[in-house]
Amino acid sequence: MTLRAISGLLVLNVFILGVGAGVLWGIRGWRWWTELVRLAGLAYLLGVASLVVLFTVELVVGAGAYICGEETA
C-alpha cells in the first residue's frame, strides 16, 4: 500500500470517529475528555452505524444516481 492510501484510510477512520463522537455527544454527552477516550470504541461504532443508515436512506430515496453522475428518469 502506498502512503497516500494509508493516509486516506486514516482520514476516513478519523471522520467516522468524529461522526460517532457527535452522535454520542447528542445522546449522552461527557464531562471530561477522558470519558470520550474511554468511550472512543463506542463512538467509532456509532459513527459506522450512523453513516450506514444515512447512506442506505440516500440510496432508497434515489440520491445514488446523482452521486454516480447519472440521472435516471
Protein backbone atom coordinates (compact mmCIF):
# COMPACT_ATOMS: atom_id res chain seq x y z
CA MET A 1 0.00 0.00 0.00
CA THR A 2 1.13 3.49 -0.71
CA LEU A 3 1.46 6.26 1.82
CA ARG A 4 -1.43 8.08 0.12
CA ALA A 5 -3.74 5.08 0.56
CA ILE A 6 -2.79 4.66 4.21
CA SER A 7 -3.34 8.35 4.91
CA GLY A 8 -6.72 8.17 3.17
CA LEU A 9 -7.79 5.29 5.41
CA LEU A 10 -6.60 7.20 8.45
CA VAL A 11 -8.61 10.26 7.45
CA LEU A 12 -11.70 8.12 6.83
CA ASN A 13 -11.39 6.47 10.24
CA VAL A 14 -10.96 9.82 11.98
CA PHE A 15 -14.04 11.12 10.13
CA ILE A 16 -16.07 8.10 11.27
CA LEU A 17 -14.86 8.64 14.83
CA GLY A 18 -15.86 12.31 14.62
CA VAL A 19 -19.35 11.43 13.41
CA GLY A 20 -19.73 8.90 16.20
CA ALA A 21 -18.45 11.37 18.79
CA GLY A 22 -21.06 13.85 17.61
CA VAL A 23 -23.82 11.26 17.89
CA LEU A 24 -22.54 10.20 21.32
CA TRP A 25 -22.46 13.83 22.44
CA GLY A 26 -26.07 14.23 21.31
CA ILE A 27 -27.19 11.09 23.10
CA ARG A 28 -25.17 11.20 26.29
CA GLY A 29 -22.52 13.87 26.36
CA TRP A 30 -19.42 13.70 28.53
CA ARG A 31 -17.98 15.76 31.33
CA TRP A 32 -14.27 15.20 30.76
CA TRP A 33 -12.15 14.34 27.74
CA THR A 34 -11.04 11.16 29.47
CA GLU A 35 -14.64 10.00 29.26
CA LEU A 36 -14.54 10.47 25.49
CA VAL A 37 -11.30 8.49 25.30
CA ARG A 38 -12.90 5.72 27.35
CA LEU A 39 -15.92 5.65 25.03
CA ALA A 40 -13.96 6.01 21.77
CA GLY A 41 -14.77 2.47 20.64
CA LEU A 42 -18.47 3.05 21.15
CA ALA A 43 -18.20 6.38 19.34
CA TYR A 44 -16.50 4.70 16.38
CA LEU A 45 -19.21 2.05 16.12
CA LEU A 46 -21.91 4.71 16.42
CA GLY A 47 -20.24 6.55 13.57
CA VAL A 48 -20.19 3.46 11.37
CA ALA A 49 -23.84 2.69 12.14
CA SER A 50 -24.94 6.29 11.57
CA LEU A 51 -23.19 6.54 8.21
CA VAL A 52 -24.56 3.18 7.05
CA VAL A 53 -28.10 4.29 7.92
CA LEU A 54 -27.56 7.64 6.18
CA PHE A 55 -26.15 6.05 3.01
CA THR A 56 -28.98 3.48 2.94
CA VAL A 57 -31.61 6.22 3.17
CA GLU A 58 -29.86 8.14 0.41
CA LEU A 59 -29.93 5.08 -1.84
CA VAL A 60 -33.61 4.42 -1.10
CA VAL A 61 -34.67 7.96 -2.00
CA GLY A 62 -32.61 7.88 -5.18
CA ALA A 63 -29.59 10.01 -4.36
CA GLY A 64 -27.27 7.22 -5.51
CA ALA A 65 -27.82 8.01 -9.17
CA TYR A 66 -26.79 11.64 -8.66
CA ILE A 67 -23.70 10.65 -6.70
CA CYS A 68 -22.52 8.49 -9.59
CA GLY A 69 -23.12 11.31 -12.07
CA GLU A 70 -26.02 9.68 -13.85
CA GLU A 71 -29.58 10.89 -13.95
CA THR A 72 -32.19 8.18 -14.32
CA ALA A 73 -35.71 9.12 -15.30
